[in-house]
Amino acid sequence: MPSLAERAPSRRTLTVATASAAAALTLFALIAEDVADGGGLISRDQEVLAWFIDHRTERLIRAAKLISTIGSFASLSIMGLLLGLVLWRRWRVLALAPLAALVVASLASTAAKALFDRNRPPVAVHATTVTLAAFPSGHATDAAAFFLAASLTLALTVERRRSVRRALVATGLMLAVLVGLSRLVLGVHWLSDVVAGWALGSAVAVTVVTGAWYLTTRRGPDALQTDADSLVPPL
C-alpha cells in the first residue's frame, strides 16, 4: 500500500484543510479583536491565571520550565532539522514542512507581538524571564506549528495504518497543548495569548503541510532524488 504522500490530496481533503486553517485564523482574529476591547476570552484571563498561580508547586514549575525549554524555538529547530534529515532522501519537499512551519509561525507571532504590544501578567507572578510582548504566546504558536506539522508529515510519509496516523496527530496536538499550558504555569502569559498562539500555529501547520503534500504529488515524491531508478513520474 502506498503512503498517503504518494497520492494527491483529494478535493475533500483540500477543502477540509482549507476550512481548518480558515477556522483557526478566524479564532485568532476574534481573540485579537478581544485584545482591543477587553471582551470575550480576554475577560477570563485574570481568573484563569489566578487559578494556575494558586495551584502551582515548585515541582510543577520545574516541569513547566523543562517543557517550555523543549518547546522553545531553538529546541524545535533542532528537532525540525533532525526530522528533515531523516525524511530528506525520500521526501524532499515534505521533509522541510515542519521546519518551514516553525519559521513561518515564529515570524508571524513576532510580527503580531510588535503590532499588539500587549502587556504580560505582572512580573511578581513570573517564574521565568521573558522579554517580548505577550500576544500571542510565541511558545504556543511555535509548538502548535511544529508539532502539528511534524505529526501530519509523519502520518503522510511514514505510517500507513489509520489508527497510528490518528495517534501521531493526537500526540502532536497534546505536545502543543502542554507547551502552552507551561506558559500559564510560569505566569508569563494570559490564557488568550496561549489560545491565540495555538490557533495561529495550527493554521500555519495545516497550510504548510497541505501545500508541501500537494507539491510532492505534483512533482512525484522522489522528483528531486539523484537516483534516477527510484524516480516517481510526475502526475
Protein backbone atom coordinates (compact mmCIF):
# COMPACT_ATOMS: atom_id res chain seq x y z
CA MET A 1 0.00 0.00 0.00
CA PRO A 2 1.47 3.38 -0.95
CA SER A 3 1.86 6.05 1.68
CA LEU A 4 -0.59 8.93 1.69
CA ALA A 5 2.09 11.27 0.38
CA GLU A 6 2.30 9.23 -2.83
CA ARG A 7 -1.35 10.02 -3.61
CA ALA A 8 -2.55 13.50 -4.44
CA PRO A 9 -4.75 15.05 -1.75
CA SER A 10 -8.40 14.68 -2.71
CA ARG A 11 -10.67 17.64 -3.25
CA ARG A 12 -12.37 16.81 0.04
CA THR A 13 -9.02 16.77 1.85
CA LEU A 14 -8.07 20.15 0.39
CA THR A 15 -11.46 21.54 1.37
CA VAL A 16 -11.13 20.24 4.95
CA ALA A 17 -7.58 21.58 5.23
CA THR A 18 -8.61 24.99 3.91
CA ALA A 19 -11.60 25.14 6.23
CA SER A 20 -9.50 24.09 9.22
CA ALA A 21 -6.84 26.71 8.55
CA ALA A 22 -9.50 29.36 7.98
CA ALA A 23 -11.29 28.44 11.21
CA ALA A 24 -8.03 28.66 13.16
CA LEU A 25 -7.21 32.05 11.65
CA THR A 26 -10.73 33.26 12.42
CA LEU A 27 -10.30 32.24 16.05
CA PHE A 28 -7.00 34.12 16.17
CA ALA A 29 -8.65 37.20 14.65
CA LEU A 30 -11.52 37.09 17.14
CA ILE A 31 -9.15 36.91 20.09
CA ALA A 32 -7.06 39.71 18.59
CA GLU A 33 -10.21 41.82 18.41
CA ASP A 34 -10.90 40.99 22.05
CA VAL A 35 -7.44 42.28 22.98
CA ALA A 36 -8.57 45.69 21.78
CA ASP A 37 -11.96 45.82 23.52
CA GLY A 38 -11.39 43.57 26.54
CA GLY A 39 -14.37 41.30 25.88
CA GLY A 40 -14.71 37.62 25.01
CA LEU A 41 -11.93 35.34 26.17
CA ILE A 42 -9.95 38.30 27.48
CA SER A 43 -12.48 38.71 30.28
CA ARG A 44 -11.43 35.33 31.71
CA ASP A 45 -7.69 35.95 31.62
CA GLN A 46 -7.31 37.22 35.19
CA GLU A 47 -9.41 34.42 36.65
CA VAL A 48 -7.63 31.62 34.77
CA LEU A 49 -4.15 32.94 35.51
CA ALA A 50 -5.01 33.29 39.20
CA TRP A 51 -6.07 29.62 39.25
CA PHE A 52 -2.77 28.49 37.77
CA ILE A 53 -0.76 30.65 40.15
CA ASP A 54 -2.71 29.42 43.17
CA HIS A 55 -2.28 25.75 42.25
CA ARG A 56 1.31 25.62 41.03
CA THR A 57 4.02 23.95 43.10
CA GLU A 58 7.81 24.04 42.87
CA ARG A 59 7.77 20.66 41.17
CA LEU A 60 5.18 21.85 38.67
CA ILE A 61 7.20 24.99 37.99
CA ARG A 62 10.30 22.90 37.30
CA ALA A 63 8.31 20.69 34.94
CA ALA A 64 6.87 23.75 33.19
CA LYS A 65 10.37 25.20 32.71
CA LEU A 66 11.53 21.93 31.14
CA ILE A 67 8.51 21.76 28.84
CA SER A 68 9.00 25.41 27.85
CA THR A 69 12.63 24.69 27.01
CA ILE A 70 11.60 21.75 24.84
CA GLY A 71 9.02 23.99 23.19
CA SER A 72 11.41 26.86 22.54
CA PHE A 73 12.29 27.94 19.00
CA ALA A 74 15.86 26.69 19.37
CA SER A 75 14.85 23.21 20.56
CA LEU A 76 12.12 22.87 17.95
CA SER A 77 14.54 23.98 15.23
CA ILE A 78 16.94 21.19 16.18
CA MET A 79 14.10 18.67 16.09
CA GLY A 80 12.98 20.03 12.74
CA LEU A 81 16.47 19.67 11.29
CA LEU A 82 16.79 16.09 12.56
CA LEU A 83 13.38 15.12 11.21
CA GLY A 84 14.21 16.76 7.91
CA LEU A 85 17.42 14.74 7.62
CA VAL A 86 15.55 11.51 8.30
CA LEU A 87 12.96 12.20 5.61
CA TRP A 88 15.18 14.06 3.14
CA ARG A 89 16.27 11.16 0.93
CA ARG A 90 12.73 10.03 0.18
CA TRP A 91 10.58 13.13 0.69
CA ARG A 92 12.46 16.30 -0.20
CA VAL A 93 9.54 18.75 -0.05
CA LEU A 94 7.65 17.26 2.88
CA ALA A 95 10.90 16.87 4.83
CA LEU A 96 11.11 20.65 5.00
CA ALA A 97 7.50 21.19 6.09
CA PRO A 98 7.88 21.01 9.92
CA LEU A 99 10.85 23.39 9.98
CA ALA A 100 9.22 25.70 7.44
CA ALA A 101 6.01 25.79 9.50
CA LEU A 102 8.04 26.65 12.61
CA VAL A 103 9.87 29.52 10.91
CA VAL A 104 6.72 30.98 9.34
CA ALA A 105 4.80 30.73 12.63
CA SER A 106 7.63 32.32 14.58
CA LEU A 107 7.82 35.25 12.17
CA ALA A 108 4.04 35.67 12.33
CA SER A 109 3.93 35.64 16.13
CA THR A 110 6.84 38.08 16.37
CA ALA A 111 5.08 40.46 13.99
CA ALA A 112 1.84 40.17 15.97
CA LYS A 113 3.66 40.88 19.23
CA ALA A 114 5.08 44.07 17.75
CA LEU A 115 1.68 45.06 16.39
CA PHE A 116 -0.40 44.49 19.54
CA ASP A 117 2.35 45.21 22.11
CA ARG A 118 0.24 43.65 24.86
CA ASN A 119 1.49 43.70 28.44
CA ARG A 120 2.29 40.42 30.11
CA PRO A 121 0.95 39.41 33.53
CA PRO A 122 2.56 41.23 36.49
CA VAL A 123 6.27 40.48 36.93
CA ALA A 124 5.56 39.40 40.51
CA VAL A 125 3.96 36.17 39.27
CA HIS A 126 6.61 35.33 36.67
CA ALA A 127 8.51 32.11 37.34
CA THR A 128 10.91 32.65 34.43
CA THR A 129 12.47 35.51 32.49
CA VAL A 130 10.70 36.88 29.39
CA THR A 131 11.30 39.78 27.05
CA LEU A 132 8.88 40.31 24.15
CA ALA A 133 5.23 41.37 24.36
CA ALA A 134 2.53 38.92 25.41
CA PHE A 135 0.19 38.45 22.45
CA PRO A 136 0.30 35.85 21.05
CA SER A 137 2.38 33.35 23.00
CA GLY A 138 5.43 32.59 20.91
CA HIS A 139 5.92 29.24 22.61
CA ALA A 140 2.30 28.20 21.97
CA THR A 141 2.49 29.39 18.35
CA ASP A 142 5.79 27.66 17.62
CA ALA A 143 4.81 24.42 19.38
CA ALA A 144 1.47 24.18 17.59
CA ALA A 145 3.07 24.87 14.23
CA PHE A 146 5.94 22.44 14.66
CA PHE A 147 4.37 19.53 16.49
CA LEU A 148 1.23 19.52 14.35
CA ALA A 149 3.25 19.86 11.14
CA ALA A 150 5.66 17.12 12.24
CA SER A 151 2.87 14.72 13.19
CA LEU A 152 0.99 15.37 9.95
CA THR A 153 4.17 14.90 7.93
CA LEU A 154 4.96 11.58 9.64
CA ALA A 155 1.37 10.45 9.18
CA LEU A 156 1.64 11.20 5.46
CA THR A 157 5.04 9.72 4.75
CA VAL A 158 5.96 7.01 7.24
CA GLU A 159 2.86 5.42 8.71
CA ARG A 160 0.23 3.53 6.71
CA ARG A 161 -2.14 2.40 9.48
CA ARG A 162 -5.00 4.81 10.05
CA SER A 163 -5.10 4.24 13.81
CA VAL A 164 -1.41 5.09 14.15
CA ARG A 165 -1.77 8.15 11.94
CA ARG A 166 -4.52 9.41 14.21
CA ALA A 167 -2.37 8.69 17.26
CA LEU A 168 0.50 10.66 15.72
CA VAL A 169 -1.67 13.72 15.15
CA ALA A 170 -3.19 13.42 18.63
CA THR A 171 0.32 13.26 20.12
CA GLY A 172 1.37 16.36 18.20
CA LEU A 173 -1.65 18.26 19.48
CA MET A 174 -1.05 17.08 23.05
CA LEU A 175 2.57 18.27 22.97
CA ALA A 176 1.46 21.66 21.70
CA VAL A 177 -1.12 21.89 24.49
CA LEU A 178 1.48 21.03 27.13
CA VAL A 179 3.83 23.75 25.92
CA GLY A 180 1.04 26.33 26.00
CA LEU A 181 -0.06 25.29 29.49
CA SER A 182 3.53 25.55 30.72
CA ARG A 183 3.44 29.27 29.95
CA LEU A 184 0.38 29.67 32.18
CA VAL A 185 2.03 27.74 35.00
CA LEU A 186 5.06 30.01 34.71
CA GLY A 187 2.78 33.05 34.90
CA VAL A 188 4.18 34.75 31.81
CA HIS A 189 1.10 34.65 29.57
CA TRP A 190 -2.62 35.15 29.69
CA LEU A 191 -4.95 32.36 28.56
CA SER A 192 -5.93 34.37 25.48
CA ASP A 193 -2.26 34.66 24.47
CA VAL A 194 -1.90 30.90 24.56
CA VAL A 195 -5.14 30.06 22.75
CA ALA A 196 -4.34 32.62 20.06
CA GLY A 197 -0.89 31.07 19.68
CA TRP A 198 -2.37 27.61 19.28
CA ALA A 199 -4.76 28.92 16.64
CA LEU A 200 -2.09 30.78 14.68
CA GLY A 201 0.38 27.91 14.80
CA SER A 202 -2.24 25.35 13.77
CA ALA A 203 -3.28 27.44 10.78
CA VAL A 204 0.33 27.68 9.64
CA ALA A 205 0.97 23.95 10.14
CA VAL A 206 -2.07 22.83 8.15
CA THR A 207 -1.34 25.29 5.35
CA VAL A 208 2.35 24.42 5.02
CA VAL A 209 1.92 20.64 5.20
CA THR A 210 -1.01 20.63 2.77
CA GLY A 211 0.97 22.78 0.35
CA ALA A 212 4.02 20.52 0.65
CA TRP A 213 1.84 17.43 0.11
CA TYR A 214 0.29 18.97 -2.99
CA LEU A 215 3.71 19.90 -4.40
CA THR A 216 5.05 16.43 -3.65
CA THR A 217 2.34 14.67 -5.63
CA ARG A 218 2.54 17.21 -8.43
CA ARG A 219 6.24 16.51 -8.88
CA GLY A 220 6.36 12.92 -7.67
CA PRO A 221 7.65 12.01 -4.17
CA ASP A 222 11.15 11.29 -5.49
CA ALA A 223 11.37 14.05 -8.05
CA LEU A 224 14.48 15.56 -6.50
CA GLN A 225 16.38 12.33 -5.83
CA THR A 226 19.63 11.81 -7.68
CA ASP A 227 18.96 8.10 -8.18
CA ALA A 228 17.03 8.06 -11.45
CA ASP A 229 15.90 4.46 -10.98
CA SER A 230 13.83 5.42 -7.96
CA LEU A 231 12.07 8.37 -9.53
CA VAL A 232 8.28 8.56 -9.50
CA PRO A 233 7.00 10.18 -12.69
CA PRO A 234 5.13 13.45 -12.16
CA LEU A 235 1.35 13.16 -12.25
